[in-house]
Amino acid sequence: MAETFKIKLRGADGKVKTFEQKFIPTQKMLDLIELQDKTSQGGYLLSDYRKDQVKFLADLFDDPAVTEEAILNGLNALDFNTVMNEMSQKVTGTEFLDPKVTLENQ
């Protein structure tokens, strides 16, 4: 049974809308692993990693309303790691790597 991935974003009007993605191509699993692998390489800034995560997250959704800007302005920062962890678990079957731990150990 296929799972779905959901994200809640607050719009400019202040209303929260839930977006759902039912199909995520296997290529996205490989793309996510490559993104996580970048944290083990030197010179990858945390700010760049976060931007790449937001872009990756936006690209998961077919709905054109889920954009990088919509995520940056509509996703509560306090929920960001939780959303990324849930997404990573669903896409790769593994937990999201906390870049603070990985990048600080370089």
N, C-alpha and C. Protein backbone atom coordinates (compact mmCIF):
# COMPACT_ATOMS: atom_id res chain seq x y z
N MET A 1 0.83 -1.19 0.00
CA MET A 1 0.00 0.00 0.00
C MET A 1 0.87 1.24 0.00
N ALA A 2 0.66 2.10 -0.94
CA ALA A 2 1.46 3.31 -1.07
C ALA A 2 1.06 4.34 -0.02
N GLU A 3 2.08 4.97 0.54
CA GLU A 3 1.84 6.04 1.51
C GLU A 3 1.73 7.36 0.76
N THR A 4 1.26 8.35 1.46
CA THR A 4 1.24 9.70 0.91
C THR A 4 2.08 10.59 1.80
N PHE A 5 2.56 11.66 1.24
CA PHE A 5 3.32 12.64 1.99
C PHE A 5 2.53 13.93 1.99
N LYS A 6 2.39 14.52 3.18
CA LYS A 6 1.59 15.73 3.31
C LYS A 6 2.44 16.84 3.92
N ILE A 7 2.12 18.06 3.51
CA ILE A 7 2.77 19.23 4.08
C ILE A 7 1.70 20.30 4.28
N LYS A 8 1.78 20.98 5.41
CA LYS A 8 0.84 22.06 5.70
C LYS A 8 1.58 23.39 5.55
N LEU A 9 1.00 24.27 4.72
CA LEU A 9 1.61 25.57 4.48
C LEU A 9 0.60 26.67 4.76
N ARG A 10 1.07 27.71 5.42
CA ARG A 10 0.24 28.89 5.69
C ARG A 10 0.35 29.82 4.49
N GLY A 11 -0.78 30.22 3.95
CA GLY A 11 -0.80 31.13 2.81
C GLY A 11 -0.70 32.58 3.23
N ALA A 12 -0.61 33.46 2.27
CA ALA A 12 -0.53 34.90 2.54
C ALA A 12 -1.76 35.39 3.29
N ASP A 13 -2.88 34.68 3.12
CA ASP A 13 -4.12 35.06 3.80
C ASP A 13 -4.18 34.54 5.24
N GLY A 14 -3.13 33.81 5.67
CA GLY A 14 -3.08 33.29 7.02
C GLY A 14 -3.73 31.93 7.19
N LYS A 15 -4.38 31.44 6.15
CA LYS A 15 -5.04 30.13 6.22
C LYS A 15 -4.03 29.02 5.91
N VAL A 16 -4.16 27.93 6.64
CA VAL A 16 -3.28 26.78 6.44
C VAL A 16 -3.94 25.81 5.48
N LYS A 17 -3.17 25.39 4.49
CA LYS A 17 -3.67 24.43 3.50
C LYS A 17 -2.76 23.21 3.52
N THR A 18 -3.36 22.04 3.44
CA THR A 18 -2.61 20.79 3.39
C THR A 18 -2.45 20.34 1.94
N PHE A 19 -1.22 20.05 1.57
CA PHE A 19 -0.92 19.54 0.23
C PHE A 19 -0.48 18.09 0.38
N GLU A 20 -0.92 17.27 -0.56
CA GLU A 20 -0.66 15.84 -0.48
C GLU A 20 -0.02 15.36 -1.78
N GLN A 21 1.00 14.53 -1.64
CA GLN A 21 1.65 13.92 -2.80
C GLN A 21 1.55 12.42 -2.64
N LYS A 22 0.88 11.77 -3.59
CA LYS A 22 0.66 10.33 -3.50
C LYS A 22 1.74 9.51 -4.20
N PHE A 23 2.40 10.09 -5.19
CA PHE A 23 3.43 9.36 -5.93
C PHE A 23 4.72 10.15 -5.90
N ILE A 24 5.79 9.50 -5.47
CA ILE A 24 7.13 10.10 -5.49
C ILE A 24 8.03 9.11 -6.22
N PRO A 25 8.59 9.52 -7.36
CA PRO A 25 9.43 8.61 -8.13
C PRO A 25 10.65 8.14 -7.34
N THR A 26 11.09 6.94 -7.60
CA THR A 26 12.26 6.38 -6.94
C THR A 26 13.49 7.25 -7.15
N GLN A 27 13.56 7.96 -8.27
CA GLN A 27 14.69 8.87 -8.52
C GLN A 27 14.83 9.89 -7.39
N LYS A 28 13.70 10.29 -6.81
CA LYS A 28 13.75 11.26 -5.71
C LYS A 28 14.46 10.66 -4.49
N MET A 29 14.36 9.35 -4.30
CA MET A 29 15.06 8.70 -3.21
C MET A 29 16.57 8.86 -3.42
N LEU A 30 17.02 8.61 -4.63
CA LEU A 30 18.45 8.76 -4.93
C LEU A 30 18.89 10.22 -4.81
N ASP A 31 18.05 11.14 -5.27
CA ASP A 31 18.36 12.56 -5.17
C ASP A 31 18.51 12.98 -3.71
N LEU A 32 17.65 12.46 -2.85
CA LEU A 32 17.72 12.80 -1.43
C LEU A 32 18.98 12.24 -0.80
N ILE A 33 19.33 11.02 -1.14
CA ILE A 33 20.55 10.42 -0.60
C ILE A 33 21.76 11.23 -1.03
N GLU A 34 21.78 11.67 -2.29
CA GLU A 34 22.89 12.51 -2.77
C GLU A 34 22.94 13.83 -2.01
N LEU A 35 21.78 14.40 -1.75
CA LEU A 35 21.72 15.65 -0.99
C LEU A 35 22.27 15.43 0.41
N GLN A 36 21.89 14.35 1.05
CA GLN A 36 22.40 14.05 2.39
C GLN A 36 23.89 13.74 2.36
N ASP A 37 24.36 13.11 1.29
CA ASP A 37 25.78 12.80 1.16
C ASP A 37 26.63 14.07 1.10
N LYS A 38 26.08 15.14 0.58
CA LYS A 38 26.84 16.40 0.48
C LYS A 38 27.30 16.89 1.85
N THR A 39 26.57 16.53 2.90
CA THR A 39 26.93 17.01 4.24
C THR A 39 28.24 16.39 4.72
N SER A 40 28.63 15.27 4.13
CA SER A 40 29.88 14.63 4.55
C SER A 40 31.08 15.19 3.79
N GLN A 41 30.81 16.04 2.81
CA GLN A 41 31.88 16.66 2.03
C GLN A 41 32.20 18.03 2.63
N GLY A 42 33.43 18.40 2.63
CA GLY A 42 33.82 19.69 3.18
C GLY A 42 33.31 20.85 2.35
N GLY A 43 33.10 21.99 3.01
CA GLY A 43 32.74 23.21 2.31
C GLY A 43 31.27 23.39 1.98
N TYR A 44 30.42 22.56 2.51
CA TYR A 44 28.98 22.67 2.23
C TYR A 44 28.33 23.42 3.39
N LEU A 45 27.99 24.67 3.16
CA LEU A 45 27.44 25.52 4.20
C LEU A 45 26.04 25.06 4.61
N LEU A 46 25.74 25.20 5.89
CA LEU A 46 24.44 24.84 6.40
C LEU A 46 23.34 25.63 5.70
N SER A 47 23.59 26.90 5.44
CA SER A 47 22.58 27.72 4.75
C SER A 47 22.30 27.19 3.35
N ASP A 48 23.34 26.74 2.66
CA ASP A 48 23.14 26.15 1.33
C ASP A 48 22.38 24.83 1.42
N TYR A 49 22.69 24.06 2.45
CA TYR A 49 22.01 22.78 2.65
C TYR A 49 20.52 23.01 2.89
N ARG A 50 20.19 23.97 3.72
CA ARG A 50 18.78 24.27 3.99
C ARG A 50 18.06 24.72 2.72
N LYS A 51 18.70 25.56 1.94
CA LYS A 51 18.10 26.01 0.67
C LYS A 51 17.87 24.82 -0.26
N ASP A 52 18.86 23.93 -0.32
CA ASP A 52 18.72 22.74 -1.17
C ASP A 52 17.60 21.83 -0.66
N GLN A 53 17.44 21.74 0.65
CA GLN A 53 16.35 20.94 1.21
C GLN A 53 14.99 21.53 0.82
N VAL A 54 14.87 22.84 0.92
CA VAL A 54 13.61 23.50 0.57
C VAL A 54 13.30 23.25 -0.90
N LYS A 55 14.31 23.39 -1.76
CA LYS A 55 14.10 23.14 -3.20
C LYS A 55 13.69 21.70 -3.43
N PHE A 56 14.36 20.76 -2.77
CA PHE A 56 14.02 19.35 -2.91
C PHE A 56 12.58 19.11 -2.48
N LEU A 57 12.21 19.67 -1.34
CA LEU A 57 10.86 19.49 -0.81
C LEU A 57 9.81 20.03 -1.79
N ALA A 58 10.05 21.21 -2.33
CA ALA A 58 9.11 21.79 -3.29
C ALA A 58 8.99 20.92 -4.53
N ASP A 59 10.12 20.36 -4.98
CA ASP A 59 10.13 19.55 -6.19
C ASP A 59 9.43 18.19 -6.02
N LEU A 60 9.16 17.80 -4.78
CA LEU A 60 8.44 16.54 -4.56
C LEU A 60 6.98 16.62 -4.98
N PHE A 61 6.43 17.82 -4.94
CA PHE A 61 5.00 17.99 -5.13
C PHE A 61 4.66 18.37 -6.57
N ASP A 62 3.59 17.75 -7.08
CA ASP A 62 3.09 18.08 -8.41
C ASP A 62 2.28 19.38 -8.40
N ASP A 63 1.73 19.72 -7.25
CA ASP A 63 0.90 20.92 -7.13
C ASP A 63 1.77 22.17 -7.33
N PRO A 64 1.47 22.99 -8.32
CA PRO A 64 2.28 24.18 -8.59
C PRO A 64 2.25 25.21 -7.47
N ALA A 65 1.33 25.06 -6.52
CA ALA A 65 1.27 26.00 -5.38
C ALA A 65 2.37 25.71 -4.36
N VAL A 66 2.95 24.52 -4.41
CA VAL A 66 4.03 24.17 -3.48
C VAL A 66 5.35 24.56 -4.13
N THR A 67 5.80 25.75 -3.80
CA THR A 67 7.03 26.30 -4.34
C THR A 67 8.03 26.52 -3.22
N GLU A 68 9.26 26.83 -3.60
CA GLU A 68 10.26 27.15 -2.59
C GLU A 68 9.78 28.34 -1.76
N GLU A 69 9.27 29.35 -2.42
CA GLU A 69 8.79 30.54 -1.73
C GLU A 69 7.64 30.20 -0.78
N ALA A 70 6.72 29.35 -1.25
CA ALA A 70 5.58 28.96 -0.41
C ALA A 70 6.06 28.22 0.83
N ILE A 71 7.08 27.40 0.69
CA ILE A 71 7.62 26.67 1.83
C ILE A 71 8.36 27.63 2.77
N LEU A 72 9.19 28.50 2.20
CA LEU A 72 9.95 29.44 3.03
C LEU A 72 9.04 30.37 3.83
N ASN A 73 7.94 30.75 3.25
CA ASN A 73 7.03 31.70 3.91
C ASN A 73 5.87 31.03 4.64
N GLY A 74 5.60 29.76 4.33
CA GLY A 74 4.40 29.13 4.87
C GLY A 74 4.62 27.95 5.80
N LEU A 75 5.85 27.44 5.85
CA LEU A 75 6.13 26.31 6.74
C LEU A 75 6.74 26.87 8.03
N ASN A 76 6.16 26.51 9.14
CA ASN A 76 6.67 26.96 10.43
C ASN A 76 8.08 26.43 10.61
N ALA A 77 9.03 27.31 10.88
CA ALA A 77 10.42 26.90 11.07
C ALA A 77 10.55 25.86 12.18
N LEU A 78 9.67 25.93 13.17
CA LEU A 78 9.72 24.98 14.27
C LEU A 78 9.35 23.57 13.81
N ASP A 79 8.71 23.45 12.66
CA ASP A 79 8.30 22.15 12.13
C ASP A 79 9.20 21.65 11.00
N PHE A 80 10.17 22.46 10.59
CA PHE A 80 10.98 22.12 9.41
C PHE A 80 11.67 20.76 9.54
N ASN A 81 12.40 20.55 10.64
CA ASN A 81 13.11 19.28 10.79
C ASN A 81 12.16 18.10 10.89
N THR A 82 11.01 18.30 11.52
CA THR A 82 10.02 17.24 11.62
C THR A 82 9.50 16.86 10.23
N VAL A 83 9.22 17.86 9.42
CA VAL A 83 8.74 17.61 8.05
C VAL A 83 9.82 16.89 7.24
N MET A 84 11.05 17.37 7.35
CA MET A 84 12.14 16.74 6.59
C MET A 84 12.37 15.30 7.07
N ASN A 85 12.27 15.07 8.36
CA ASN A 85 12.46 13.72 8.90
C ASN A 85 11.37 12.78 8.40
N GLU A 86 10.13 13.24 8.46
CA GLU A 86 9.02 12.42 7.98
C GLU A 86 9.18 12.11 6.49
N MET A 87 9.53 13.12 5.72
CA MET A 87 9.71 12.93 4.28
C MET A 87 10.83 11.94 4.02
N SER A 88 11.95 12.10 4.71
CA SER A 88 13.10 11.22 4.50
C SER A 88 12.74 9.78 4.85
N GLN A 89 12.03 9.58 5.93
CA GLN A 89 11.64 8.23 6.33
C GLN A 89 10.73 7.59 5.29
N LYS A 90 9.84 8.39 4.71
CA LYS A 90 8.93 7.84 3.71
C LYS A 90 9.63 7.58 2.38
N VAL A 91 10.55 8.45 2.01
CA VAL A 91 11.19 8.34 0.69
C VAL A 91 12.33 7.33 0.71
N THR A 92 13.15 7.34 1.76
CA THR A 92 14.33 6.47 1.79
C THR A 92 14.23 5.32 2.78
N GLY A 93 13.29 5.43 3.71
CA GLY A 93 13.19 4.41 4.75
C GLY A 93 14.20 4.63 5.87
N THR A 94 14.88 5.78 5.86
CA THR A 94 15.86 6.09 6.90
C THR A 94 15.55 7.45 7.50
N GLU A 95 16.16 7.73 8.63
CA GLU A 95 15.92 9.01 9.29
C GLU A 95 16.70 10.12 8.60
N PHE A 96 16.15 11.30 8.69
CA PHE A 96 16.77 12.51 8.19
C PHE A 96 18.05 12.77 8.97
N LEU A 97 19.12 13.11 8.25
CA LEU A 97 20.39 13.43 8.90
C LEU A 97 20.38 14.88 9.32
N ASP A 98 20.59 15.14 10.60
CA ASP A 98 20.62 16.50 11.10
C ASP A 98 21.92 17.15 10.64
N PRO A 99 21.85 18.15 9.78
CA PRO A 99 23.08 18.74 9.22
C PRO A 99 23.91 19.43 10.28
N LYS A 100 23.33 19.89 11.38
CA LYS A 100 24.11 20.54 12.43
C LYS A 100 25.13 19.55 12.99
N VAL A 101 24.70 18.33 13.21
CA VAL A 101 25.60 17.31 13.75
C VAL A 101 26.63 16.95 12.70
N THR A 102 26.20 16.69 11.49
CA THR A 102 27.10 16.25 10.45
C THR A 102 28.09 17.33 10.06
N LEU A 103 27.61 18.56 9.84
CA LEU A 103 28.48 19.63 9.40
C LEU A 103 29.44 20.09 10.49
N GLU A 104 29.02 20.05 11.74
CA GLU A 104 29.88 20.49 12.83
C GLU A 104 31.01 19.50 13.08
N ASN A 105 30.85 18.28 12.66
CA ASN A 105 31.87 17.26 12.89
C ASN A 105 32.95 17.25 11.82
N GLN A 106 32.87 18.13 10.87
CA GLN A 106 33.87 18.15 9.79
C GLN A 106 35.12 18.87 10.23
